[in-house]
């Protein structure tokens, strides 16, 4: 009897656009430790931002579902709009956008130090 394949399938590079973008940026920057750390941080921020966006999108989908099919009682309407977690996610998303802006400016400064042949 063959062993069970319990490992999750590994995403290919092409199936992970964040990884592809991070690797592309890494190739455009100098081969230094600070550049590698910057790329890792930027990749994390992108992933966390996309996750926060997904939560916000799910909240809006839930609101639409309530408005389209749920009973439109005053309690249901107030409850549908009363999700403090979404406000937290939006605040975090704003923080991430500012972090990404800062990190991209740092990457731009580093990229100026890279010979044009390395940037692809």
PDB file of N, CA and C in Angstrom:
ATOM      1  N   UNK A   1       0.843  -1.172   0.000  1.00  0.00           N
ATOM      2  CA  UNK A   1       0.000   0.000   0.000  1.00  0.00           C
ATOM      3  C   UNK A   1       0.896   1.246   0.000  1.00  0.00           C
ATOM      4  N   UNK A   2       0.691   2.192  -0.942  1.00  0.00           N
ATOM      5  CA  UNK A   2       1.549   3.377  -1.002  1.00  0.00           C
ATOM      6  C   UNK A   2       1.261   4.316   0.172  1.00  0.00           C
ATOM      7  N   UNK A   3       2.300   5.037   0.629  1.00  0.00           N
ATOM      8  CA  UNK A   3       2.086   5.971   1.738  1.00  0.00           C
ATOM      9  C   UNK A   3       1.180   7.121   1.309  1.00  0.00           C
ATOM     10  N   UNK A   4       0.448   7.633   2.277  1.00  0.00           N
ATOM     11  CA  UNK A   4      -0.448   8.760   1.996  1.00  0.00           C
ATOM     12  C   UNK A   4       0.359  10.032   1.787  1.00  0.00           C
ATOM     13  N   UNK A   5      -0.056  10.799   0.841  1.00  0.00           N
ATOM     14  CA  UNK A   5       0.590  12.092   0.600  1.00  0.00           C
ATOM     15  C   UNK A   5      -0.122  13.135   1.449  1.00  0.00           C
ATOM     16  N   UNK A   6       0.468  13.471   2.580  1.00  0.00           N
ATOM     17  CA  UNK A   6      -0.162  14.410   3.493  1.00  0.00           C
ATOM     18  C   UNK A   6       0.373  15.828   3.346  1.00  0.00           C
ATOM     19  N   UNK A   7       1.466  15.980   2.660  1.00  0.00           N
ATOM     20  CA  UNK A   7       2.044  17.316   2.515  1.00  0.00           C
ATOM     21  C   UNK A   7       1.176  18.163   1.599  1.00  0.00           C
ATOM     22  N   UNK A   8       1.043  19.419   1.965  1.00  0.00           N
ATOM     23  CA  UNK A   8       0.286  20.350   1.123  1.00  0.00           C
ATOM     24  C   UNK A   8       1.074  20.612  -0.146  1.00  0.00           C
ATOM     25  N   UNK A   9       0.385  20.795  -1.253  1.00  0.00           N
ATOM     26  CA  UNK A   9       1.103  21.072  -2.492  1.00  0.00           C
ATOM     27  C   UNK A   9       1.853  22.397  -2.384  1.00  0.00           C
ATOM     28  N   UNK A  10       3.057  22.401  -2.913  1.00  0.00           N
ATOM     29  CA  UNK A  10       3.881  23.604  -2.889  1.00  0.00           C
ATOM     30  C   UNK A  10       3.462  24.505  -4.040  1.00  0.00           C
ATOM     31  N   UNK A  11       3.239  25.780  -3.715  1.00  0.00           N
ATOM     32  CA  UNK A  11       2.880  26.729  -4.767  1.00  0.00           C
ATOM     33  C   UNK A  11       4.082  26.968  -5.667  1.00  0.00           C
ATOM     34  N   UNK A  12       3.849  26.986  -6.934  1.00  0.00           N
ATOM     35  CA  UNK A  12       4.938  27.321  -7.835  1.00  0.00           C
ATOM     36  C   UNK A  12       5.209  28.813  -7.742  1.00  0.00           C
ATOM     37  N   UNK A  13       6.375  29.206  -8.188  1.00  0.00           N
ATOM     38  CA  UNK A  13       6.746  30.618  -8.170  1.00  0.00           C
ATOM     39  C   UNK A  13       5.718  31.444  -8.920  1.00  0.00           C
ATOM     40  N   UNK A  14       5.228  30.917 -10.009  1.00  0.00           N
ATOM     41  CA  UNK A  14       4.284  31.661 -10.834  1.00  0.00           C
ATOM     42  C   UNK A  14       2.921  31.786 -10.165  1.00  0.00           C
ATOM     43  N   UNK A  15       2.600  30.891  -9.248  1.00  0.00           N
ATOM     44  CA  UNK A  15       1.302  30.940  -8.584  1.00  0.00           C
ATOM     45  C   UNK A  15       1.305  31.926  -7.420  1.00  0.00           C
ATOM     46  N   UNK A  16       2.467  32.479  -7.070  1.00  0.00           N
ATOM     47  CA  UNK A  16       2.584  33.396  -5.941  1.00  0.00           C
ATOM     48  C   UNK A  16       3.101  34.747  -6.435  1.00  0.00           C
ATOM     49  N   UNK A  17       2.193  35.629  -6.832  1.00  0.00           N
ATOM     50  CA  UNK A  17       2.631  36.904  -7.407  1.00  0.00           C
ATOM     51  C   UNK A  17       3.416  37.772  -6.428  1.00  0.00           C
ATOM     52  N   UNK A  18       3.156  37.642  -5.133  1.00  0.00           N
ATOM     53  CA  UNK A  18       3.917  38.427  -4.157  1.00  0.00           C
ATOM     54  C   UNK A  18       5.368  37.961  -4.145  1.00  0.00           C
ATOM     55  N   UNK A  19       5.569  36.651  -4.171  1.00  0.00           N
ATOM     56  CA  UNK A  19       6.935  36.107  -4.189  1.00  0.00           C
ATOM     57  C   UNK A  19       7.658  36.514  -5.469  1.00  0.00           C
ATOM     58  N   UNK A  20       6.978  36.428  -6.592  1.00  0.00           N
ATOM     59  CA  UNK A  20       7.584  36.815  -7.871  1.00  0.00           C
ATOM     60  C   UNK A  20       7.997  38.285  -7.829  1.00  0.00           C
ATOM     61  N   UNK A  21       7.124  39.142  -7.312  1.00  0.00           N
ATOM     62  CA  UNK A  21       7.433  40.573  -7.227  1.00  0.00           C
ATOM     63  C   UNK A  21       8.614  40.820  -6.297  1.00  0.00           C
ATOM     64  N   UNK A  22       8.649  40.125  -5.163  1.00  0.00           N
ATOM     65  CA  UNK A  22       9.750  40.300  -4.211  1.00  0.00           C
ATOM     66  C   UNK A  22      11.072  39.845  -4.822  1.00  0.00           C
ATOM     67  N   UNK A  23      11.056  38.728  -5.515  1.00  0.00           N
ATOM     68  CA  UNK A  23      12.281  38.237  -6.157  1.00  0.00           C
ATOM     69  C   UNK A  23      12.756  39.197  -7.239  1.00  0.00           C
ATOM     70  N   UNK A  24      11.824  39.767  -7.964  1.00  0.00           N
ATOM     71  CA  UNK A  24      12.185  40.730  -9.011  1.00  0.00           C
ATOM     72  C   UNK A  24      12.822  41.965  -8.386  1.00  0.00           C
ATOM     73  N   UNK A  25      12.242  42.445  -7.296  1.00  0.00           N
ATOM     74  CA  UNK A  25      12.821  43.595  -6.612  1.00  0.00           C
ATOM     75  C   UNK A  25      14.205  43.252  -6.073  1.00  0.00           C
ATOM     76  N   UNK A  26      14.366  42.072  -5.510  1.00  0.00           N
ATOM     77  CA  UNK A  26      15.665  41.661  -4.973  1.00  0.00           C
ATOM     78  C   UNK A  26      16.743  41.684  -6.052  1.00  0.00           C
ATOM     79  N   UNK A  27      16.386  41.275  -7.267  1.00  0.00           N
ATOM     80  CA  UNK A  27      17.356  41.294  -8.368  1.00  0.00           C
ATOM     81  C   UNK A  27      17.722  42.717  -8.780  1.00  0.00           C
ATOM     82  N   UNK A  28      16.838  43.669  -8.519  1.00  0.00           N
ATOM     83  CA  UNK A  28      17.092  45.054  -8.910  1.00  0.00           C
ATOM     84  C   UNK A  28      17.909  45.816  -7.870  1.00  0.00           C
ATOM     85  N   UNK A  29      18.082  45.224  -6.695  1.00  0.00           N
ATOM     86  CA  UNK A  29      18.791  45.900  -5.611  1.00  0.00           C
ATOM     87  C   UNK A  29      20.198  45.332  -5.461  1.00  0.00           C
ATOM     88  N   UNK A  30      21.072  46.078  -4.781  1.00  0.00           N
ATOM     89  CA  UNK A  30      22.422  45.556  -4.540  1.00  0.00           C
ATOM     90  C   UNK A  30      22.369  44.268  -3.718  1.00  0.00           C
ATOM     91  N   UNK A  31      23.323  43.401  -3.936  1.00  0.00           N
ATOM     92  CA  UNK A  31      23.394  42.132  -3.202  1.00  0.00           C
ATOM     93  C   UNK A  31      24.008  42.400  -1.829  1.00  0.00           C
ATOM     94  N   UNK A  32      23.170  42.967  -0.942  1.00  0.00           N
ATOM     95  CA  UNK A  32      23.614  43.305   0.413  1.00  0.00           C
ATOM     96  C   UNK A  32      22.577  42.806   1.408  1.00  0.00           C
ATOM     97  N   UNK A  33      23.013  42.636   2.637  1.00  0.00           N
ATOM     98  CA  UNK A  33      22.115  42.153   3.685  1.00  0.00           C
ATOM     99  C   UNK A  33      20.960  43.110   3.920  1.00  0.00           C
ATOM    100  N   UNK A  34      21.234  44.424   3.951  1.00  0.00           N
ATOM    101  CA  UNK A  34      20.157  45.380   4.210  1.00  0.00           C
ATOM    102  C   UNK A  34      19.109  45.361   3.103  1.00  0.00           C
ATOM    103  N   UNK A  35      19.532  45.116   1.872  1.00  0.00           N
ATOM    104  CA  UNK A  35      18.577  45.027   0.761  1.00  0.00           C
ATOM    105  C   UNK A  35      17.720  43.766   0.899  1.00  0.00           C
ATOM    106  N   UNK A  36      18.338  42.661   1.295  1.00  0.00           N
ATOM    107  CA  UNK A  36      17.584  41.413   1.474  1.00  0.00           C
ATOM    108  C   UNK A  36      16.557  41.552   2.596  1.00  0.00           C
ATOM    109  N   UNK A  37      16.946  42.212   3.683  1.00  0.00           N
ATOM    110  CA  UNK A  37      16.014  42.436   4.794  1.00  0.00           C
ATOM    111  C   UNK A  37      14.862  43.323   4.336  1.00  0.00           C
ATOM    112  N   UNK A  38      15.179  44.368   3.582  1.00  0.00           N
ATOM    113  CA  UNK A  38      14.144  45.271   3.076  1.00  0.00           C
ATOM    114  C   UNK A  38      13.142  44.516   2.203  1.00  0.00           C
ATOM    115  N   UNK A  39      13.629  43.664   1.325  1.00  0.00           N
ATOM    116  CA  UNK A  39      12.743  42.887   0.451  1.00  0.00           C
ATOM    117  C   UNK A  39      11.853  41.960   1.280  1.00  0.00           C
ATOM    118  N   UNK A  40      12.426  41.325   2.297  1.00  0.00           N
ATOM    119  CA  UNK A  40      11.619  40.450   3.165  1.00  0.00           C
ATOM    120  C   UNK A  40      10.520  41.233   3.880  1.00  0.00           C
ATOM    121  N   UNK A  41      10.862  42.403   4.407  1.00  0.00           N
ATOM    122  CA  UNK A  41       9.869  43.227   5.098  1.00  0.00           C
ATOM    123  C   UNK A  41       8.779  43.694   4.140  1.00  0.00           C
ATOM    124  N   UNK A  42       9.183  44.094   2.951  1.00  0.00           N
ATOM    125  CA  UNK A  42       8.217  44.549   1.956  1.00  0.00           C
ATOM    126  C   UNK A  42       7.282  43.406   1.555  1.00  0.00           C
ATOM    127  N   UNK A  43       7.845  42.220   1.388  1.00  0.00           N
ATOM    128  CA  UNK A  43       7.013  41.058   1.043  1.00  0.00           C
ATOM    129  C   UNK A  43       6.006  40.767   2.160  1.00  0.00           C
ATOM    130  N   UNK A  44       6.462  40.824   3.406  1.00  0.00           N
ATOM    131  CA  UNK A  44       5.543  40.608   4.537  1.00  0.00           C
ATOM    132  C   UNK A  44       4.436  41.652   4.554  1.00  0.00           C
ATOM    133  N   UNK A  45       4.803  42.917   4.333  1.00  0.00           N
ATOM    134  CA  UNK A  45       3.800  43.987   4.324  1.00  0.00           C
ATOM    135  C   UNK A  45       2.777  43.781   3.213  1.00  0.00           C
ATOM    136  N   UNK A  46       3.241  43.360   2.042  1.00  0.00           N
ATOM    137  CA  UNK A  46       2.313  43.100   0.939  1.00  0.00           C
ATOM    138  C   UNK A  46       1.335  41.982   1.301  1.00  0.00           C
ATOM    139  N   UNK A  47       1.848  40.913   1.866  1.00  0.00           N
ATOM    140  CA  UNK A  47       0.982  39.782   2.241  1.00  0.00           C
ATOM    141  C   UNK A  47      -0.028  40.200   3.311  1.00  0.00           C
ATOM    142  N   UNK A  48       0.443  40.922   4.315  1.00  0.00           N
ATOM    143  CA  UNK A  48      -0.455  41.354   5.387  1.00  0.00           C
ATOM    144  C   UNK A  48      -1.495  42.340   4.864  1.00  0.00           C
ATOM    145  N   UNK A  49      -1.089  43.208   3.940  1.00  0.00           N
ATOM    146  CA  UNK A  49      -2.034  44.152   3.348  1.00  0.00           C
ATOM    147  C   UNK A  49      -3.111  43.447   2.545  1.00  0.00           C
ATOM    148  N   UNK A  50      -2.703  42.470   1.769  1.00  0.00           N
ATOM    149  CA  UNK A  50      -3.685  41.710   0.994  1.00  0.00           C
ATOM    150  C   UNK A  50      -4.629  40.937   1.913  1.00  0.00           C
ATOM    151  N   UNK A  51      -4.106  40.430   3.015  1.00  0.00           N
ATOM    152  CA  UNK A  51      -4.945  39.733   3.992  1.00  0.00           C
ATOM    153  C   UNK A  51      -5.960  40.694   4.615  1.00  0.00           C
ATOM    154  N   UNK A  52      -5.502  41.890   4.977  1.00  0.00           N
ATOM    155  CA  UNK A  52      -6.415  42.894   5.550  1.00  0.00           C
ATOM    156  C   UNK A  52      -7.473  43.304   4.533  1.00  0.00           C
ATOM    157  N   UNK A  53      -7.061  43.464   3.274  1.00  0.00           N
ATOM    158  CA  UNK A  53      -8.037  43.792   2.226  1.00  0.00           C
ATOM    159  C   UNK A  53      -9.085  42.693   2.093  1.00  0.00           C
ATOM    160  N   UNK A  54      -8.649  41.445   2.207  1.00  0.00           N
ATOM    161  CA  UNK A  54      -9.587  40.327   2.141  1.00  0.00           C
ATOM    162  C   UNK A  54     -10.610  40.377   3.262  1.00  0.00           C
ATOM    163  N   UNK A  55     -10.161  40.763   4.456  1.00  0.00           N
ATOM    164  CA  UNK A  55     -11.095  40.888   5.582  1.00  0.00           C
ATOM    165  C   UNK A  55     -12.102  42.005   5.340  1.00  0.00           C
ATOM    166  N   UNK A  56     -11.627  43.118   4.796  1.00  0.00           N
ATOM    167  CA  UNK A  56     -12.529  44.242   4.505  1.00  0.00           C
ATOM    168  C   UNK A  56     -13.520  43.842   3.418  1.00  0.00           C
ATOM    169  N   UNK A  57     -13.026  43.153   2.396  1.00  0.00           N
ATOM    170  CA  UNK A  57     -13.920  42.694   1.328  1.00  0.00           C
ATOM    171  C   UNK A  57     -14.978  41.735   1.875  1.00  0.00           C
ATOM    172  N   UNK A  58     -14.566  40.830   2.755  1.00  0.00           N
ATOM    173  CA  UNK A  58     -15.523  39.888   3.348  1.00  0.00           C
ATOM    174  C   UNK A  58     -16.578  40.628   4.166  1.00  0.00           C
ATOM    175  N   UNK A  59     -16.171  41.673   4.854  1.00  0.00           N
ATOM    176  CA  UNK A  59     -17.125  42.472   5.635  1.00  0.00           C
ATOM    177  C   UNK A  59     -18.175  43.097   4.712  1.00  0.00           C
ATOM    178  N   UNK A  60     -17.722  43.673   3.605  1.00  0.00           N
ATOM    179  CA  UNK A  60     -18.669  44.282   2.669  1.00  0.00           C
ATOM    180  C   UNK A  60     -19.578  43.231   2.032  1.00  0.00           C
ATOM    181  N   UNK A  61     -19.039  42.055   1.759  1.00  0.00           N
ATOM    182  CA  UNK A  61     -19.878  40.972   1.224  1.00  0.00           C
ATOM    183  C   UNK A  61     -20.936  40.555   2.236  1.00  0.00           C
ATOM    184  N   UNK A  62     -20.543  40.486   3.509  1.00  0.00           N
ATOM    185  CA  UNK A  62     -21.516  40.159   4.560  1.00  0.00           C
ATOM    186  C   UNK A  62     -22.602  41.226   4.651  1.00  0.00           C
ATOM    187  N   UNK A  63     -22.195  42.492   4.559  1.00  0.00           N
ATOM    188  CA  UNK A  63     -23.180  43.578   4.581  1.00  0.00           C
ATOM    189  C   UNK A  63     -24.163  43.444   3.426  1.00  0.00           C
ATOM    190  N   UNK A  64     -23.633  43.181   2.236  1.00  0.00           N
ATOM    191  CA  UNK A  64     -24.510  43.003   1.074  1.00  0.00           C
ATOM    192  C   UNK A  64     -25.460  41.832   1.281  1.00  0.00           C
ATOM    193  N   UNK A  65     -24.938  40.738   1.822  1.00  0.00           N
ATOM    194  CA  UNK A  65     -25.787  39.577   2.079  1.00  0.00           C
ATOM    195  C   UNK A  65     -26.916  39.897   3.038  1.00  0.00           C
ATOM    196  N   UNK A  66     -26.596  40.638   4.084  1.00  0.00           N
ATOM    197  CA  UNK A  66     -27.634  41.033   5.041  1.00  0.00           C
ATOM    198  C   UNK A  66     -28.669  41.919   4.377  1.00  0.00           C
ATOM    199  N   UNK A  67     -28.209  42.890   3.602  1.00  0.00           N
ATOM    200  CA  UNK A  67     -29.137  43.830   2.964  1.00  0.00           C
ATOM    201  C   UNK A  67     -29.966  43.181   1.860  1.00  0.00           C
ATOM    202  N   UNK A  68     -29.394  42.174   1.203  1.00  0.00           N
ATOM    203  CA  UNK A  68     -30.106  41.543   0.091  1.00  0.00           C
ATOM    204  C   UNK A  68     -31.053  40.449   0.540  1.00  0.00           C
ATOM    205  N   UNK A  69     -30.668  39.677   1.560  1.00  0.00           N
ATOM    206  CA  UNK A  69     -31.467  38.493   1.873  1.00  0.00           C
ATOM    207  C   UNK A  69     -31.886  38.373   3.329  1.00  0.00           C
ATOM    208  N   UNK A  70     -31.210  39.046   4.220  1.00  0.00           N
ATOM    209  CA  UNK A  70     -31.536  38.901   5.637  1.00  0.00           C
ATOM    210  C   UNK A  70     -32.742  39.730   6.030  1.00  0.00           C
ATOM    211  N   UNK A  71     -33.333  39.406   7.169  1.00  0.00           N
ATOM    212  CA  UNK A  71     -34.435  40.234   7.675  1.00  0.00           C
ATOM    213  C   UNK A  71     -33.899  41.626   8.017  1.00  0.00           C
ATOM    214  N   UNK A  72     -34.568  42.653   7.533  1.00  0.00           N
ATOM    215  CA  UNK A  72     -34.091  44.025   7.716  1.00  0.00           C
ATOM    216  C   UNK A  72     -34.684  44.657   8.976  1.00  0.00           C
ATOM    217  N   UNK A  73     -34.436  43.993  10.075  1.00  0.00           N
ATOM    218  CA  UNK A  73     -34.895  44.536  11.354  1.00  0.00           C
ATOM    219  C   UNK A  73     -33.884  45.573  11.837  1.00  0.00           C
ATOM    220  N   UNK A  74     -34.305  46.495  12.679  1.00  0.00           N
ATOM    221  CA  UNK A  74     -33.355  47.481  13.211  1.00  0.00           C
ATOM    222  C   UNK A  74     -32.139  46.830  13.877  1.00  0.00           C
ATOM    223  N   UNK A  75     -32.357  45.770  14.623  1.00  0.00           N
ATOM    224  CA  UNK A  75     -31.245  45.093  15.298  1.00  0.00           C
ATOM    225  C   UNK A  75     -30.274  44.498  14.283  1.00  0.00           C
ATOM    226  N   UNK A  76     -30.786  43.832  13.254  1.00  0.00           N
ATOM    227  CA  UNK A  76     -29.921  43.240  12.229  1.00  0.00           C
ATOM    228  C   UNK A  76     -29.134  44.308  11.479  1.00  0.00           C
ATOM    229  N   UNK A  77     -29.765  45.427  11.184  1.00  0.00           N
ATOM    230  CA  UNK A  77     -29.073  46.502  10.474  1.00  0.00           C
ATOM    231  C   UNK A  77     -27.936  47.083  11.310  1.00  0.00           C
ATOM    232  N   UNK A  78     -28.210  47.330  12.581  1.00  0.00           N
ATOM    233  CA  UNK A  78     -27.156  47.862  13.461  1.00  0.00           C
ATOM    234  C   UNK A  78     -26.039  46.841  13.631  1.00  0.00           C
ATOM    235  N   UNK A  79     -26.398  45.588  13.848  1.00  0.00           N
ATOM    236  CA  UNK A  79     -25.385  44.542  14.018  1.00  0.00           C
ATOM    237  C   UNK A  79     -24.533  44.355  12.767  1.00  0.00           C
ATOM    238  N   UNK A  80     -25.145  44.481  11.612  1.00  0.00           N
ATOM    239  CA  UNK A  80     -24.400  44.301  10.359  1.00  0.00           C
ATOM    240  C   UNK A  80     -23.296  45.344  10.210  1.00  0.00           C
ATOM    241  N   UNK A  81     -23.561  46.548  10.656  1.00  0.00           N
ATOM    242  CA  UNK A  81     -22.562  47.605  10.522  1.00  0.00           C
ATOM    243  C   UNK A  81     -21.647  47.754  11.712  1.00  0.00           C
ATOM    244  N   UNK A  82     -21.874  46.972  12.757  1.00  0.00           N
ATOM    245  CA  UNK A  82     -21.133  47.127  14.006  1.00  0.00           C
ATOM    246  C   UNK A  82     -20.088  46.033  14.151  1.00  0.00           C
ATOM    247  N   UNK A  83     -18.985  46.170  13.430  1.00  0.00           N
ATOM    248  CA  UNK A  83     -17.890  45.209  13.519  1.00  0.00           C
ATOM    249  C   UNK A  83     -16.606  45.980  13.806  1.00  0.00           C
ATOM    250  N   UNK A  84     -16.230  46.112  15.079  1.00  0.00           N
ATOM    251  CA  UNK A  84     -15.037  46.897  15.419  1.00  0.00           C
ATOM    252  C   UNK A  84     -13.759  46.321  14.818  1.00  0.00           C
ATOM    253  N   UNK A  85     -13.765  45.052  14.505  1.00  0.00           N
ATOM    254  CA  UNK A  85     -12.576  44.432  13.907  1.00  0.00           C
ATOM    255  C   UNK A  85     -12.264  45.049  12.541  1.00  0.00           C
ATOM    256  N   UNK A  86     -13.282  45.439  11.805  1.00  0.00           N
ATOM    257  CA  UNK A  86     -13.055  46.037  10.487  1.00  0.00           C
ATOM    258  C   UNK A  86     -12.355  47.381  10.629  1.00  0.00           C
ATOM    259  N   UNK A  87     -12.750  48.165  11.617  1.00  0.00           N
ATOM    260  CA  UNK A  87     -12.076  49.443  11.845  1.00  0.00           C
ATOM    261  C   UNK A  87     -10.609  49.199  12.183  1.00  0.00           C
ATOM    262  N   UNK A  88     -10.339  48.184  12.997  1.00  0.00           N
ATOM    263  CA  UNK A  88      -8.952  47.827  13.318  1.00  0.00           C
ATOM    264  C   UNK A  88      -8.190  47.419  12.065  1.00  0.00           C
ATOM    265  N   UNK A  89      -8.832  46.628  11.212  1.00  0.00           N
ATOM    266  CA  UNK A  89      -8.157  46.182   9.978  1.00  0.00           C
ATOM    267  C   UNK A  89      -7.886  47.361   9.044  1.00  0.00           C
ATOM    268  N   UNK A  90      -8.831  48.302   8.974  1.00  0.00           N
ATOM    269  CA  UNK A  90      -8.616  49.488   8.138  1.00  0.00           C
ATOM    270  C   UNK A  90      -7.478  50.340   8.689  1.00  0.00           C
ATOM    271  N   UNK A  91      -7.410  50.494   9.997  1.00  0.00           N
ATOM    272  CA  UNK A  91      -6.296  51.227  10.609  1.00  0.00           C
ATOM    273  C   UNK A  91      -4.975  50.533  10.302  1.00  0.00           C
ATOM    274  N   UNK A  92      -4.971  49.214  10.414  1.00  0.00           N
ATOM    275  CA  UNK A  92      -3.761  48.449  10.125  1.00  0.00           C
ATOM    276  C   UNK A  92      -3.397  48.570   8.647  1.00  0.00           C
ATOM    277  N   UNK A  93      -4.384  48.560   7.797  1.00  0.00           N
ATOM    278  CA  UNK A  93      -4.143  48.718   6.365  1.00  0.00           C
ATOM    279  C   UNK A  93      -3.500  50.074   6.082  1.00  0.00           C
ATOM    280  N   UNK A  94      -3.975  51.114   6.738  1.00  0.00           N
ATOM    281  CA  UNK A  94      -3.367  52.436   6.569  1.00  0.00           C
ATOM    282  C   UNK A  94      -1.903  52.405   7.019  1.00  0.00           C
ATOM    283  N   UNK A  95      -1.643  51.757   8.134  1.00  0.00           N
ATOM    284  CA  UNK A  95      -0.266  51.617   8.621  1.00  0.00           C
ATOM    285  C   UNK A  95       0.599  50.897   7.578  1.00  0.00           C
ATOM    286  N   UNK A  96       0.070  49.818   7.013  1.00  0.00           N
ATOM    287  CA  UNK A  96       0.824  49.057   6.016  1.00  0.00           C
ATOM    288  C   UNK A  96       1.101  49.873   4.766  1.00  0.00           C
ATOM    289  N   UNK A  97       0.131  50.663   4.331  1.00  0.00           N
ATOM    290  CA  UNK A  97       0.332  51.501   3.143  1.00  0.00           C
ATOM    291  C   UNK A  97       1.477  52.482   3.391  1.00  0.00           C
ATOM    292  N   UNK A  98       1.504  53.073   4.573  1.00  0.00           N
ATOM    293  CA  UNK A  98       2.593  53.999   4.902  1.00  0.00           C
ATOM    294  C   UNK A  98       3.930  53.267   4.982  1.00  0.00           C
ATOM    295  N   UNK A  99       3.931  52.060   5.559  1.00  0.00           N
ATOM    296  CA  UNK A  99       5.154  51.260   5.616  1.00  0.00           C
ATOM    297  C   UNK A  99       5.652  50.908   4.217  1.00  0.00           C
ATOM    298  N   UNK A 100       4.731  50.505   3.353  1.00  0.00           N
ATOM    299  CA  UNK A 100       5.117  50.154   1.984  1.00  0.00           C
ATOM    300  C   UNK A 100       5.688  51.361   1.255  1.00  0.00           C
ATOM    301  N   UNK A 101       5.087  52.504   1.468  1.00  0.00           N
ATOM    302  CA  UNK A 101       5.593  53.729   0.834  1.00  0.00           C
ATOM    303  C   UNK A 101       7.031  53.996   1.284  1.00  0.00           C
ATOM    304  N   UNK A 102       7.280  53.871   2.577  1.00  0.00           N
ATOM    305  CA  UNK A 102       8.619  54.084   3.128  1.00  0.00           C
ATOM    306  C   UNK A 102       9.602  53.053   2.576  1.00  0.00           C
ATOM    307  N   UNK A 103       9.189  51.797   2.566  1.00  0.00           N
ATOM    308  CA  UNK A 103      10.091  50.744   2.089  1.00  0.00           C
ATOM    309  C   UNK A 103      10.387  50.886   0.592  1.00  0.00           C
ATOM    310  N   UNK A 104       9.394  51.285  -0.181  1.00  0.00           N
ATOM    311  CA  UNK A 104       9.636  51.483  -1.616  1.00  0.00           C
ATOM    312  C   UNK A 104      10.580  52.655  -1.853  1.00  0.00           C
ATOM    313  N   UNK A 105      10.484  53.694  -1.028  1.00  0.00           N
ATOM    314  CA  UNK A 105      11.430  54.811  -1.141  1.00  0.00           C
ATOM    315  C   UNK A 105      12.844  54.339  -0.801  1.00  0.00           C
ATOM    316  N   UNK A 106      12.965  53.488   0.213  1.00  0.00           N
ATOM    317  CA  UNK A 106      14.274  52.927   0.555  1.00  0.00           C
ATOM    318  C   UNK A 106      14.809  52.064  -0.589  1.00  0.00           C
ATOM    319  N   UNK A 107      13.931  51.279  -1.195  1.00  0.00           N
ATOM    320  CA  UNK A 107      14.339  50.439  -2.324  1.00  0.00           C
ATOM    321  C   UNK A 107      14.785  51.303  -3.498  1.00  0.00           C
ATOM    322  N   UNK A 108      14.087  52.403  -3.728  1.00  0.00           N
ATOM    323  CA  UNK A 108      14.474  53.305  -4.822  1.00  0.00           C
ATOM    324  C   UNK A 108      15.866  53.871  -4.580  1.00  0.00           C
ATOM    325  N   UNK A 109      16.155  54.239  -3.340  1.00  0.00           N
ATOM    326  CA  UNK A 109      17.485  54.764  -3.021  1.00  0.00           C
ATOM    327  C   UNK A 109      18.552  53.694  -3.227  1.00  0.00           C
ATOM    328  N   UNK A 110      18.254  52.456  -2.836  1.00  0.00           N
ATOM    329  CA  UNK A 110      19.209  51.364  -3.037  1.00  0.00           C
ATOM    330  C   UNK A 110      19.381  51.040  -4.514  1.00  0.00           C
ATOM    331  N   UNK A 111      18.298  51.110  -5.270  1.00  0.00           N
ATOM    332  CA  UNK A 111      18.352  50.761  -6.698  1.00  0.00           C
ATOM    333  C   UNK A 111      19.257  51.715  -7.459  1.00  0.00           C
ATOM    334  N   UNK A 112      19.358  52.945  -6.986  1.00  0.00           N
ATOM    335  CA  UNK A 112      20.257  53.900  -7.649  1.00  0.00           C
ATOM    336  C   UNK A 112      21.698  53.459  -7.533  1.00  0.00           C
ATOM    337  N   UNK A 113      22.002  52.626  -6.553  1.00  0.00           N
ATOM    338  CA  UNK A 113      23.369  52.158  -6.326  1.00  0.00           C
ATOM    339  C   UNK A 113      23.671  50.873  -7.089  1.00  0.00           C
ATOM    340  N   UNK A 114      22.701  50.368  -7.830  1.00  0.00           N
ATOM    341  CA  UNK A 114      22.835  49.100  -8.547  1.00  0.00           C
ATOM    342  C   UNK A 114      23.138  49.362 -10.012  1.00  0.00           C
ATOM    343  N   UNK A 115      24.116  48.657 -10.577  1.00  0.00           N
ATOM    344  CA  UNK A 115      24.360  48.802 -12.015  1.00  0.00           C
ATOM    345  C   UNK A 115      23.118  48.415 -12.814  1.00  0.00           C
ATOM    346  N   UNK A 116      22.813  49.115 -13.919  1.00  0.00           N
ATOM    347  CA  UNK A 116      21.600  48.851 -14.700  1.00  0.00           C
ATOM    348  C   UNK A 116      21.479  47.413 -15.203  1.00  0.00           C
ATOM    349  N   UNK A 117      22.577  46.708 -15.407  1.00  0.00           N
ATOM    350  CA  UNK A 117      22.493  45.348 -15.951  1.00  0.00           C
ATOM    351  C   UNK A 117      21.852  44.368 -14.976  1.00  0.00           C
ATOM    352  N   UNK A 118      21.889  44.658 -13.670  1.00  0.00           N
ATOM    353  CA  UNK A 118      21.284  43.749 -12.683  1.00  0.00           C
ATOM    354  C   UNK A 118      19.793  43.922 -12.566  1.00  0.00           C
ATOM    355  N   UNK A 119      19.307  45.101 -12.817  1.00  0.00           N
ATOM    356  CA  UNK A 119      17.872  45.375 -12.645  1.00  0.00           C
ATOM    357  C   UNK A 119      17.095  44.768 -13.796  1.00  0.00           C
ATOM    358  N   UNK A 120      16.224  43.809 -13.478  1.00  0.00           N
ATOM    359  CA  UNK A 120      15.418  43.153 -14.521  1.00  0.00           C
ATOM    360  C   UNK A 120      13.973  43.299 -14.215  1.00  0.00           C
TER     361      UNK A 120
END
